[in-house]
Amino acid sequence: MDGLLLNTEDIYTLCADIVLKKYGRPGLPWWLKAKMMGVPGSSNGDTFHDWAQLPISREQFKQEQREQQQIHFPECQPLPGVEKLLSDLRRAKNIDGFDVQVALASSSEKCNYDMKTSRAVTKAVLDLIPEKHRVLGDDPRIGRGKPAPDIYLVALQAINDTLPEGTPKVSPKECLVFEDSVIGVEAGRRAGMRVVWVPHPKLAAEYVGKEREVLAGRIGLVDIGDEEQLGVLDDGWGEQLPSLENFPYEKFGISVPS
């Protein structure tokens, strides 16, 4: 959701920069943000604080950043192409003629999700995803955070548990994951799913020349072992797009009624 469906990555940066500036520190650079995106708790971890060298405790930074997020999260807006994509998928069919099922797998906790979707227009767009198919970061069913595949496997289970009678269960290899973060791409690949990577332009710039490794899930920002879960370079299970606008449905076996 963050940085893929909503412009929250820019808002996360804004909130961090406000606190950093208050203590005379420079804004969060993209080379550092690239290492943090999608990693649970990364904004208060060693990678960030070793760089930031703030004169306050980690707990105080977390509190001050949280105060800024409470101000700015309600300003979230859907990114280009998101509303049309979700609207199209609600009425789309897969290659076998069954309805396409959509789920949300977000590391955002429920309280943050509610703030980010507090604007009517933003809530209306996210409401295109059935509530029973929304898996958020504090869902007790999730064992490990990304890059582990758990959140995507839980989302798939949420879909399979609510399929209409007579509809065949969906397997991981039939799933298409949309991700903006590098670590999220790895999680999707570890889940055995096909992945579409839609990075922020500034994140994409940090990985120029390494796109093949990103799409295979082989950047290795967080080592969790189980390398057999990862993809192979150029295996066709990962693709990069500049945005969600003009999504090529046919390429992925999806048909949308005109």
Foldseek 3Di string as FASTA:
>chain_A
DDQFFKVCVVLLQVLLQVVLVVQPHHGDDLLLVLLQPQPPPSCLDDSNCVVSVGPDHSVVSVVSSVVSLLVCLLVMDTDPQQQVVLVQLQQKAFLVGHRRADAAQELADPVSVCSNQVDPNSVVSVVSHPPLLYHYNPPPQADDGFPALRSVVVSLVSDQVPDPPPDDRDAQQLDEAEEAHLRVLNNSLLSVHQYEHAHDVSSVVSCVVPVQCSNQSNPCSDDPDPCVSTGDGPPPRYYYDNGNPPDPQVVSRMDGDD
